[in-house]
Amino acid sequence: MEYGTYAPDNGLRAMQADHWLHNQGEVDWLEPKTQKIKAALKKHFYPARQDWKEIVLWRSRQVQRQSLAGLILR
């Protein structure tokens, strides 16, 4: 499910940087450039905003209830 984070072009840039990183060979996880790339990826797909996290949790539970209700009706 997509919960909406930031503009798609930001995500594309973050994923391109991550793909570039992994195509360079062995990843040095302590390298500042690696940490910067990974932080940008995490920021895009998992925002730190508390209200976003609460909305995601609420929507997830709603979808679970709807799914279970659909299974029970079958």
Protein backbone atom coordinates (compact mmCIF):
# COMPACT_ATOMS: atom_id res chain seq x y z
CA MET A 1 0.00 0.00 0.00
CA GLU A 2 1.09 3.52 -0.69
CA TYR A 3 0.54 5.94 2.16
CA GLY A 4 1.91 9.05 0.53
CA THR A 5 5.18 10.54 1.54
CA TYR A 6 6.88 13.12 -0.65
CA ALA A 7 6.97 14.01 -4.34
CA PRO A 8 7.72 11.02 -6.62
CA ASP A 9 10.75 12.73 -8.18
CA ASN A 10 12.37 12.90 -4.73
CA GLY A 11 11.84 9.17 -4.32
CA LEU A 12 13.24 8.50 -7.77
CA ARG A 13 16.42 10.43 -6.96
CA ALA A 14 16.78 8.61 -3.63
CA MET A 15 16.35 5.20 -5.30
CA GLN A 16 18.76 6.09 -8.11
CA ALA A 17 21.40 7.06 -5.56
CA ASP A 18 20.80 3.83 -3.65
CA HIS A 19 21.05 1.74 -6.82
CA TRP A 20 24.25 3.56 -7.75
CA LEU A 21 25.65 2.81 -4.31
CA HIS A 22 24.97 -0.92 -4.56
CA ASN A 23 26.40 -1.11 -8.08
CA GLN A 24 29.77 0.17 -6.84
CA GLY A 25 30.61 -3.15 -5.20
CA GLU A 26 31.05 -3.74 -1.49
CA VAL A 27 29.09 -1.16 0.49
CA ASP A 28 30.96 0.57 3.30
CA TRP A 29 28.16 1.24 5.77
CA LEU A 30 30.31 3.62 7.80
CA GLU A 31 31.15 5.82 4.80
CA PRO A 32 29.49 9.26 5.15
CA LYS A 33 28.24 9.13 1.53
CA THR A 34 26.57 5.75 2.19
CA GLN A 35 24.91 7.08 5.33
CA LYS A 36 23.69 10.18 3.48
CA ILE A 37 22.16 8.08 0.68
CA LYS A 38 20.50 5.69 3.12
CA ALA A 39 19.18 8.56 5.24
CA ALA A 40 17.58 10.18 2.17
CA LEU A 41 15.95 6.88 1.22
CA LYS A 42 14.58 6.36 4.73
CA LYS A 43 13.36 9.95 4.94
CA HIS A 44 11.41 9.55 1.70
CA PHE A 45 9.74 6.24 2.51
CA TYR A 46 9.41 6.58 6.29
CA PRO A 47 8.88 10.22 7.29
CA ALA A 48 9.63 11.12 10.91
CA ARG A 49 6.39 13.07 11.33
CA GLN A 50 4.24 11.60 14.11
CA ASP A 51 0.96 12.53 12.39
CA TRP A 52 2.00 10.60 9.27
CA LYS A 53 2.79 7.51 11.38
CA GLU A 54 -0.60 7.72 13.12
CA ILE A 55 -2.45 8.01 9.80
CA VAL A 56 -0.56 5.01 8.41
CA LEU A 57 -1.43 2.94 11.49
CA TRP A 58 -5.09 3.99 11.34
CA ARG A 59 -5.37 3.23 7.61
CA SER A 60 -3.62 -0.14 8.01
CA ARG A 61 -6.10 -1.21 10.66
CA GLN A 62 -8.99 -0.02 8.51
CA VAL A 63 -7.79 -2.11 5.55
CA GLN A 64 -7.34 -5.15 7.81
CA ARG A 65 -10.91 -4.83 9.10
CA GLN A 66 -12.26 -4.46 5.56
CA SER A 67 -10.27 -7.47 4.39
CA LEU A 68 -11.49 -9.65 7.24
CA ALA A 69 -15.07 -8.51 6.67
CA GLY A 70 -14.72 -9.47 3.01
CA LEU A 71 -13.44 -12.93 3.93
CA ILE A 72 -16.27 -13.50 6.40
CA LEU A 73 -18.88 -12.63 3.77
CA ARG A 74 -17.58 -15.28 1.38
